[in-house]
Amino acid sequence: MHFIQTLHLIILSWYSLFSKNTKEKEFFKSLKQLLGFAPKNLELYHIATTHSSTNHDVGFNNERLELLGDSVFSIIITDFLYHKYPYKNEGELTEVRAKLVSRSMLNNLSIKLGLPALVHANLNASVLKSSSTPGNTLEALVGAIYLDRGIKKACRFIEQKILRVLVDLEVIEQTITNFKSIIINHAQKNRESIEFRVMKEDDEGIRKIFEIALFLQGQQIGSGSGPSKKKAEQAAAHEACLYLSLVEV
């Protein structure tokens, strides 16, 4: 009887180990296909795909990796745009980057990559996809790649798997928000006075730089600069829209 119980425990242990190894192999295979290269430290990717609803321990959910990945994603996107558009000014590059790193864009990209299928969360499928979890997981994944394989592999993943496949930059450029129209419509709707005031005009070599402040009901709520009044007004309007929560960051 004792022999049978021992044998039973051995079989259960073997089955548990075999099942775990199978899951690890499947996870590795899924990651390799997703990333385009083989991951080394699988534990980082397990953490990157673990939502805080499953594990509240700060070292075992993806919140810290999400913070890191947010910064890594932003710098890679900025570097990519800087080299792709050598003739765009700071304001124009900022507008395109803002679209690419917006929460809605990150969520859509994550879903297209199939990331929600890898997420461990105590959330049903519909809530998972409709929340910010997919985008947060994408940022955490980028953070894991950075720690596991370095900045070059993170760049490769973002450029080859996202920017060159899932993103149409021409369409994004065409949908850049007209912040000036938004703030003017807001002012008209609420019957508030609005003024774009030139605060400074500098000559910097071959071009001018305008600094414009936006006043709503006599209170300054935004400012911006640019090589033309139009672009400076857009920058000031953007800041004002953020201040009034009329658009997302």
Foldseek 3Di string as FASTA:
>chain_A
DVVVVVVVVVVVVVVVVVVVVVVVVVQQVLVCVLLVHGFDDVQLLQQLQEDCQRPVPPVRHLPVLLVQLLVLVLVLLLVVLCVVCVPDDPLLSVLLSCVCSPLVNLLVLLVVSVSNVSHDHPDDPVCCSVDSNSSSSVSSVLSSCCVGPNSVSSSCRCVVVPVVPPDDSVVSSVPRDQLLVVVVVVCVVVVWDKDKAFPDWADDDPFIKTKIFMDTNNHTQFIAMDRDSSSRSSRRSVSNCVSVVVDGD
